[in-house]
């Protein structure tokens, strides 16, 4: 998954991200705006995970949603 593309098409990807991490609000998603590091930070904050756990979740998400 190319995060430059995700960032450029964030409105289309928001639904997939929200389906994966349902606790993220629309306000969170607006702040994340397709930035991978911002997504990892919000996952850590909202779900109480470590940075490594958040990164692993994002990796799995990327694998499931390859182009």
Protein backbone atom coordinates (compact mmCIF):
# COMPACT_ATOMS: atom_id res chain seq x y z
CA UNK A 1 0.00 0.00 0.00
CA UNK A 2 1.48 3.31 -1.07
CA UNK A 3 0.72 5.91 1.60
CA UNK A 4 1.27 8.79 -0.84
CA UNK A 5 -1.70 7.42 -2.78
CA UNK A 6 -3.67 6.85 0.43
CA UNK A 7 -3.04 10.44 1.50
CA UNK A 8 -4.09 11.76 -1.90
CA UNK A 9 -7.29 9.69 -1.89
CA UNK A 10 -8.00 9.81 1.84
CA UNK A 11 -11.76 10.27 1.46
CA UNK A 12 -11.97 6.90 -0.29
CA UNK A 13 -9.75 5.16 2.28
CA UNK A 14 -11.45 6.60 5.37
CA UNK A 15 -14.20 3.99 5.23
CA UNK A 16 -11.73 1.11 5.16
CA UNK A 17 -9.79 2.57 8.08
CA UNK A 18 -12.97 3.19 10.07
CA UNK A 19 -14.10 -0.40 9.41
CA UNK A 20 -10.75 -1.67 10.74
CA UNK A 21 -10.50 0.66 13.75
CA UNK A 22 -14.09 1.46 14.68
CA UNK A 23 -13.18 3.55 17.71
CA UNK A 24 -11.63 6.20 15.47
CA UNK A 25 -14.07 9.05 14.99
CA UNK A 26 -14.54 11.16 11.89
CA UNK A 27 -12.64 13.92 13.69
CA UNK A 28 -9.71 11.54 14.27
CA UNK A 29 -9.80 10.53 10.62
CA UNK A 30 -9.80 14.17 9.51
CA UNK A 31 -6.69 14.83 11.60
CA UNK A 32 -4.96 11.66 10.35
CA UNK A 33 -5.60 12.77 6.74
CA UNK A 34 -3.90 9.71 5.25
CA UNK A 35 -0.66 10.02 7.18
CA UNK A 36 0.57 6.61 8.30
CA UNK A 37 2.41 7.91 11.37
CA UNK A 38 -0.66 9.86 12.48
CA UNK A 39 -2.77 6.71 12.12
CA UNK A 40 -0.29 4.74 14.23
CA UNK A 41 -0.34 7.45 16.88
CA UNK A 42 -4.13 7.49 17.07
CA UNK A 43 -4.29 3.69 17.28
CA UNK A 44 -1.85 3.84 20.19
CA UNK A 45 -3.86 6.57 21.91
CA UNK A 46 -7.35 5.21 21.39
CA UNK A 47 -6.64 1.48 21.75
CA UNK A 48 -3.86 1.72 24.35
CA UNK A 49 -1.35 -0.22 22.26
CA UNK A 50 2.39 0.13 21.99
CA UNK A 51 3.96 1.69 18.94
CA UNK A 52 5.06 -1.78 17.80
CA UNK A 53 1.54 -3.19 18.16
CA UNK A 54 0.06 -0.28 16.23
CA UNK A 55 2.63 -0.74 13.46
CA UNK A 56 1.85 -4.48 13.29
CA UNK A 57 -1.88 -3.75 12.98
CA UNK A 58 -1.21 -1.31 10.15
CA UNK A 59 1.04 -3.85 8.39
CA UNK A 60 -1.73 -6.45 8.53
CA UNK A 61 -4.22 -3.87 7.26
CA UNK A 62 -1.89 -3.04 4.36
CA UNK A 63 -1.51 -6.73 3.47
CA UNK A 64 -5.29 -7.23 3.37
CA UNK A 65 -5.79 -4.11 1.26
CA UNK A 66 -2.99 -4.40 -1.29
CA UNK A 67 -3.59 -2.71 -4.64
